[in-house]
Amino acid sequence: MSSRRSVMMRSLRAKNRKQAMIVGVVGYTAETWSQVKATATDPQCFEDTFEKWKAVAVSARREFQRSGVQAVEYQIEPQVFAEWCAQHQQQNDSKARAEFVSEKLSAAYAQQS
């Protein structure tokens, strides 16, 4: 686990939460992972293979669960994400991917209320 993730996990554990915390995590299929990585401005942020990415993603979700945080996966559809990037004047980078997932999950949870 990276140092940044480790710090984030300790921070989450340290918080005294009265309600469940939910975080969105990016999800891919093997095909969508390849497509998003191919157009990313930060391809170095991706693991070398989809299988390696999947192992890291599963591990991260387990860490979230151990800390009491519910990790909700959102599958990125490359075309929808590309349109969102154009509309929001964003590049395909880790910040935009995280913002996209957060926005989509927030909208989905708002509709459930």
C-alpha atoms as a PDB file:
ATOM      1  CA  MET A   1       0.000   0.000   0.000  1.00  0.00           C
ATOM      2  CA  SER A   2       1.377   3.419  -0.875  1.00  0.00           C
ATOM      3  CA  SER A   3       2.386   5.893   1.789  1.00  0.00           C
ATOM      4  CA  ARG A   4      -0.422   8.232   0.740  1.00  0.00           C
ATOM      5  CA  ARG A   5      -3.044   5.504   1.141  1.00  0.00           C
ATOM      6  CA  SER A   6      -1.562   4.489   4.475  1.00  0.00           C
ATOM      7  CA  VAL A   7      -1.821   8.048   5.815  1.00  0.00           C
ATOM      8  CA  MET A   8      -5.384   8.311   4.530  1.00  0.00           C
ATOM      9  CA  MET A   9      -6.375   5.050   6.194  1.00  0.00           C
ATOM     10  CA  ARG A  10      -4.889   6.113   9.558  1.00  0.00           C
ATOM     11  CA  SER A  11      -6.720   9.409   9.278  1.00  0.00           C
ATOM     12  CA  LEU A  12     -10.003   7.645   8.591  1.00  0.00           C
ATOM     13  CA  ARG A  13      -9.511   5.308  11.549  1.00  0.00           C
ATOM     14  CA  ALA A  14      -8.729   8.205  13.846  1.00  0.00           C
ATOM     15  CA  LYS A  15     -11.943  10.055  13.138  1.00  0.00           C
ATOM     16  CA  ASN A  16     -14.803   9.602  15.565  1.00  0.00           C
ATOM     17  CA  ARG A  17     -17.699   9.104  13.157  1.00  0.00           C
ATOM     18  CA  LYS A  18     -21.330   9.077  14.196  1.00  0.00           C
ATOM     19  CA  GLN A  19     -22.513   7.835  10.815  1.00  0.00           C
ATOM     20  CA  ALA A  20     -21.040   5.494   8.256  1.00  0.00           C
ATOM     21  CA  MET A  21     -18.532   7.070   5.930  1.00  0.00           C
ATOM     22  CA  ILE A  22     -18.828   6.170   2.267  1.00  0.00           C
ATOM     23  CA  VAL A  23     -16.124   6.662  -0.340  1.00  0.00           C
ATOM     24  CA  GLY A  24     -16.317   6.116  -4.050  1.00  0.00           C
ATOM     25  CA  VAL A  25     -13.668   4.071  -5.778  1.00  0.00           C
ATOM     26  CA  VAL A  26     -13.030   3.823  -9.488  1.00  0.00           C
ATOM     27  CA  GLY A  27     -13.933   0.518 -11.095  1.00  0.00           C
ATOM     28  CA  TYR A  28     -12.997  -0.913 -14.462  1.00  0.00           C
ATOM     29  CA  THR A  29     -13.397  -4.004 -16.564  1.00  0.00           C
ATOM     30  CA  ALA A  30     -10.251  -5.212 -18.336  1.00  0.00           C
ATOM     31  CA  GLU A  31     -11.419  -3.460 -21.508  1.00  0.00           C
ATOM     32  CA  THR A  32     -12.391  -0.138 -19.900  1.00  0.00           C
ATOM     33  CA  TRP A  33      -9.157  -0.110 -17.839  1.00  0.00           C
ATOM     34  CA  SER A  34      -7.142  -0.345 -21.072  1.00  0.00           C
ATOM     35  CA  GLN A  35      -9.208   2.353 -22.771  1.00  0.00           C
ATOM     36  CA  VAL A  36      -8.999   4.828 -19.887  1.00  0.00           C
ATOM     37  CA  LYS A  37      -5.284   4.183 -19.377  1.00  0.00           C
ATOM     38  CA  ALA A  38      -4.610   4.700 -23.113  1.00  0.00           C
ATOM     39  CA  THR A  39      -6.092   8.210 -22.978  1.00  0.00           C
ATOM     40  CA  ALA A  40      -4.824   9.191 -19.515  1.00  0.00           C
ATOM     41  CA  THR A  41      -2.429  12.094 -19.075  1.00  0.00           C
ATOM     42  CA  ASP A  42      -0.971  10.187 -16.108  1.00  0.00           C
ATOM     43  CA  PRO A  43      -0.662   6.566 -17.302  1.00  0.00           C
ATOM     44  CA  GLN A  44       2.137   6.092 -14.744  1.00  0.00           C
ATOM     45  CA  CYS A  45      -0.599   6.149 -12.058  1.00  0.00           C
ATOM     46  CA  PHE A  46      -1.951   2.869 -13.429  1.00  0.00           C
ATOM     47  CA  GLU A  47      -0.485  -0.492 -12.535  1.00  0.00           C
ATOM     48  CA  ASP A  48       1.309  -2.376 -15.318  1.00  0.00           C
ATOM     49  CA  THR A  49      -1.586  -4.760 -15.942  1.00  0.00           C
ATOM     50  CA  PHE A  50      -5.293  -4.929 -15.267  1.00  0.00           C
ATOM     51  CA  GLU A  51      -4.715  -7.940 -13.010  1.00  0.00           C
ATOM     52  CA  LYS A  52      -2.264  -5.956 -10.860  1.00  0.00           C
ATOM     53  CA  TRP A  53      -4.702  -3.044 -10.728  1.00  0.00           C
ATOM     54  CA  LYS A  54      -7.511  -5.395  -9.669  1.00  0.00           C
ATOM     55  CA  ALA A  55      -5.385  -6.825  -6.837  1.00  0.00           C
ATOM     56  CA  VAL A  56      -4.553  -3.320  -5.568  1.00  0.00           C
ATOM     57  CA  ALA A  57      -8.214  -2.270  -5.811  1.00  0.00           C
ATOM     58  CA  VAL A  58      -9.416  -5.306  -3.850  1.00  0.00           C
ATOM     59  CA  SER A  59      -6.778  -4.688  -1.177  1.00  0.00           C
ATOM     60  CA  ALA A  60      -7.738  -1.021  -0.883  1.00  0.00           C
ATOM     61  CA  ARG A  61     -11.427  -1.864  -0.490  1.00  0.00           C
ATOM     62  CA  ARG A  62     -10.550  -4.345   2.271  1.00  0.00           C
ATOM     63  CA  GLU A  63      -8.550  -1.664   4.063  1.00  0.00           C
ATOM     64  CA  PHE A  64     -11.484   0.728   3.837  1.00  0.00           C
ATOM     65  CA  GLN A  65     -13.782  -1.935   5.287  1.00  0.00           C
ATOM     66  CA  ARG A  66     -11.370  -2.628   8.156  1.00  0.00           C
ATOM     67  CA  SER A  67     -11.412   1.053   9.019  1.00  0.00           C
ATOM     68  CA  GLY A  68     -15.217   1.163   9.018  1.00  0.00           C
ATOM     69  CA  VAL A  69     -15.523   2.972   5.705  1.00  0.00           C
ATOM     70  CA  GLN A  70     -17.870   1.663   3.035  1.00  0.00           C
ATOM     71  CA  ALA A  71     -16.143   1.688  -0.362  1.00  0.00           C
ATOM     72  CA  VAL A  72     -18.580   1.854  -3.254  1.00  0.00           C
ATOM     73  CA  GLU A  73     -17.212   0.983  -6.680  1.00  0.00           C
ATOM     74  CA  TYR A  74     -18.332   2.972  -9.699  1.00  0.00           C
ATOM     75  CA  GLN A  75     -17.552   1.482 -13.111  1.00  0.00           C
ATOM     76  CA  ILE A  76     -16.201   4.113 -15.471  1.00  0.00           C
ATOM     77  CA  GLU A  77     -17.548   3.980 -19.002  1.00  0.00           C
ATOM     78  CA  PRO A  78     -14.762   5.511 -21.143  1.00  0.00           C
ATOM     79  CA  GLN A  79     -17.049   7.392 -23.555  1.00  0.00           C
ATOM     80  CA  VAL A  80     -19.201   8.858 -20.764  1.00  0.00           C
ATOM     81  CA  PHE A  81     -16.073   9.826 -18.838  1.00  0.00           C
ATOM     82  CA  ALA A  82     -14.513  11.447 -21.945  1.00  0.00           C
ATOM     83  CA  GLU A  83     -17.692  13.483 -22.493  1.00  0.00           C
ATOM     84  CA  TRP A  84     -17.691  14.517 -18.825  1.00  0.00           C
ATOM     85  CA  CYS A  85     -14.045  15.605 -19.108  1.00  0.00           C
ATOM     86  CA  ALA A  86     -14.808  17.725 -22.181  1.00  0.00           C
ATOM     87  CA  GLN A  87     -17.866  19.274 -20.534  1.00  0.00           C
ATOM     88  CA  HIS A  88     -15.913  20.108 -17.350  1.00  0.00           C
ATOM     89  CA  GLN A  89     -12.707  21.127 -19.136  1.00  0.00           C
ATOM     90  CA  GLN A  90     -10.791  18.347 -17.376  1.00  0.00           C
ATOM     91  CA  GLN A  91      -7.991  16.064 -18.499  1.00  0.00           C
ATOM     92  CA  ASN A  92      -8.135  12.325 -17.972  1.00  0.00           C
ATOM     93  CA  ASP A  93      -6.031  12.254 -14.820  1.00  0.00           C
ATOM     94  CA  SER A  94      -6.412  10.786 -11.340  1.00  0.00           C
ATOM     95  CA  LYS A  95      -8.029  13.954 -10.005  1.00  0.00           C
ATOM     96  CA  ALA A  96     -10.662  13.994 -12.752  1.00  0.00           C
ATOM     97  CA  ARG A  97     -11.352  10.271 -12.405  1.00  0.00           C
ATOM     98  CA  ALA A  98     -11.899  10.663  -8.667  1.00  0.00           C
ATOM     99  CA  GLU A  99     -14.087  13.748  -9.152  1.00  0.00           C
ATOM    100  CA  PHE A 100     -16.159  11.981 -11.819  1.00  0.00           C
ATOM    101  CA  VAL A 101     -16.793   8.970  -9.582  1.00  0.00           C
ATOM    102  CA  SER A 102     -17.610  11.180  -6.606  1.00  0.00           C
ATOM    103  CA  GLU A 103     -20.064  13.232  -8.642  1.00  0.00           C
ATOM    104  CA  LYS A 104     -21.788  10.167 -10.106  1.00  0.00           C
ATOM    105  CA  LEU A 105     -22.115   8.411  -6.744  1.00  0.00           C
ATOM    106  CA  SER A 106     -23.311  11.589  -5.009  1.00  0.00           C
ATOM    107  CA  ALA A 107     -26.021  11.944  -7.642  1.00  0.00           C
ATOM    108  CA  ALA A 108     -27.011   8.281  -7.271  1.00  0.00           C
ATOM    109  CA  TYR A 109     -27.233   8.538  -3.466  1.00  0.00           C
ATOM    110  CA  ALA A 110     -29.192  11.803  -3.686  1.00  0.00           C
ATOM    111  CA  GLN A 111     -31.788  10.068  -5.861  1.00  0.00           C
ATOM    112  CA  GLN A 112     -32.184   7.333  -3.235  1.00  0.00           C
ATOM    113  CA  SER A 113     -33.052   9.827  -0.508  1.00  0.00           C
END
